[in-house]
Protein backbone atom coordinates (compact mmCIF):
# COMPACT_ATOMS: atom_id res chain seq x y z
CA MET A 1 49.23 -62.57 7.99
CA GLY A 2 52.15 -62.50 5.90
CA HIS A 3 55.69 -63.84 5.21
CA ALA A 4 59.15 -62.78 3.87
CA THR A 5 62.49 -63.92 2.98
CA ALA A 6 65.72 -62.32 3.56
CA ASP A 7 69.30 -63.17 2.13
CA GLY A 8 72.73 -62.13 3.59
CA ASP A 9 75.65 -63.16 5.55
CA ASP A 10 74.84 -61.70 8.85
CA THR A 11 72.49 -63.88 10.88
CA GLU A 12 71.48 -61.13 13.36
CA ALA A 13 71.21 -58.17 10.57
CA LEU A 14 68.77 -60.68 8.68
CA GLN A 15 66.71 -61.30 11.94
CA GLU A 16 66.38 -57.34 12.67
CA THR A 17 65.52 -56.94 8.88
CA LEU A 18 62.74 -59.44 9.07
CA ILE A 19 61.51 -58.01 12.48
CA GLU A 20 61.42 -54.39 11.21
CA LYS A 21 59.35 -56.02 8.22
CA ALA A 22 56.97 -57.56 10.54
CA ARG A 23 56.44 -54.47 12.53
CA ASP A 24 55.74 -52.36 9.29
CA SER A 25 52.99 -54.81 8.39
CA GLY A 26 51.24 -54.52 11.65
CA ALA A 27 52.34 -58.14 12.74
CA ASP A 28 52.14 -59.02 16.73
CA GLY A 29 54.71 -61.83 16.45
CA ILE A 30 57.14 -63.62 13.97
CA ILE A 31 57.92 -67.24 13.39
CA PHE A 32 61.39 -67.92 11.96
CA GLU A 33 60.75 -70.98 9.80
CA GLY A 34 64.33 -71.74 8.51
CA PHE A 35 67.96 -70.66 8.17
CA ASP A 36 69.41 -72.27 5.17
CA ARG A 37 72.57 -71.74 2.97
CA VAL A 38 71.56 -71.41 -0.68
CA GLU A 39 73.63 -71.04 -3.79
CA THR A 40 73.31 -67.73 -5.39
CA GLY A 41 75.74 -68.20 -8.36
CA GLU A 42 79.38 -68.36 -9.01
CA GLN A 43 82.23 -66.21 -7.97
CA THR A 44 85.22 -65.82 -10.35
CA ILE A 45 88.65 -64.97 -8.70
CA VAL A 46 91.56 -64.06 -11.18
CA ASN A 47 95.07 -63.72 -9.82
CA HIS A 48 97.77 -62.33 -12.11
CA ILE A 49 101.03 -63.62 -11.14
CA GLY A 50 103.71 -62.34 -13.48
CA ASP A 51 102.69 -63.24 -16.96
CA THR A 52 100.25 -66.06 -15.80
CA SER A 53 96.81 -65.56 -14.84
CA ILE A 54 95.08 -68.09 -12.48
CA VAL A 55 91.20 -68.31 -12.53
CA ASN A 56 89.21 -69.88 -9.82
CA THR A 57 85.45 -70.35 -10.08
CA GLU A 58 83.68 -71.24 -6.85
CA PRO A 59 79.93 -71.47 -6.07
CA LYS A 60 78.87 -68.62 -3.96
CA SER A 61 76.17 -69.06 -1.25
CA VAL A 62 74.33 -66.89 1.22
CA LEU A 63 72.29 -67.33 4.28
CA GLN A 64 68.49 -67.26 3.75
CA VAL A 65 66.12 -66.65 6.44
CA LYS A 66 62.39 -67.40 6.00
CA ALA A 67 59.87 -66.04 8.43
CA ILE A 68 55.92 -65.89 8.82
CA PHE A 69 54.36 -63.00 10.31
CA ILE A 70 51.40 -63.44 12.93
CA LYS A 71 48.60 -61.36 14.28
CA TYR A 72 46.90 -62.37 17.58
CA ASN A 73 43.27 -62.66 17.68
CA ARG A 74 42.04 -60.38 20.37
CA ASN A 75 38.54 -61.49 19.96
CA LEU A 76 38.59 -64.43 22.48
CA HIS A 77 35.45 -66.20 23.78
CA ASN A 78 35.11 -67.85 27.17
């Protein structure tokens, strides 16, 4: 029926966001495919100490959640 991906730091908030998207699309259920940490770039931190500047560049990552939206078939045959 559909799928979506959400990025962030709070697992519960990401799940709620995906559940809301599934409801909005008319899905009856949701399957969470994966919870992965992905790099999104770099974060530069500059500390000024007196006359000296210290620069640290670190990889920045976020949690990425993938989900599949499903719709149940209501037309079952016996």
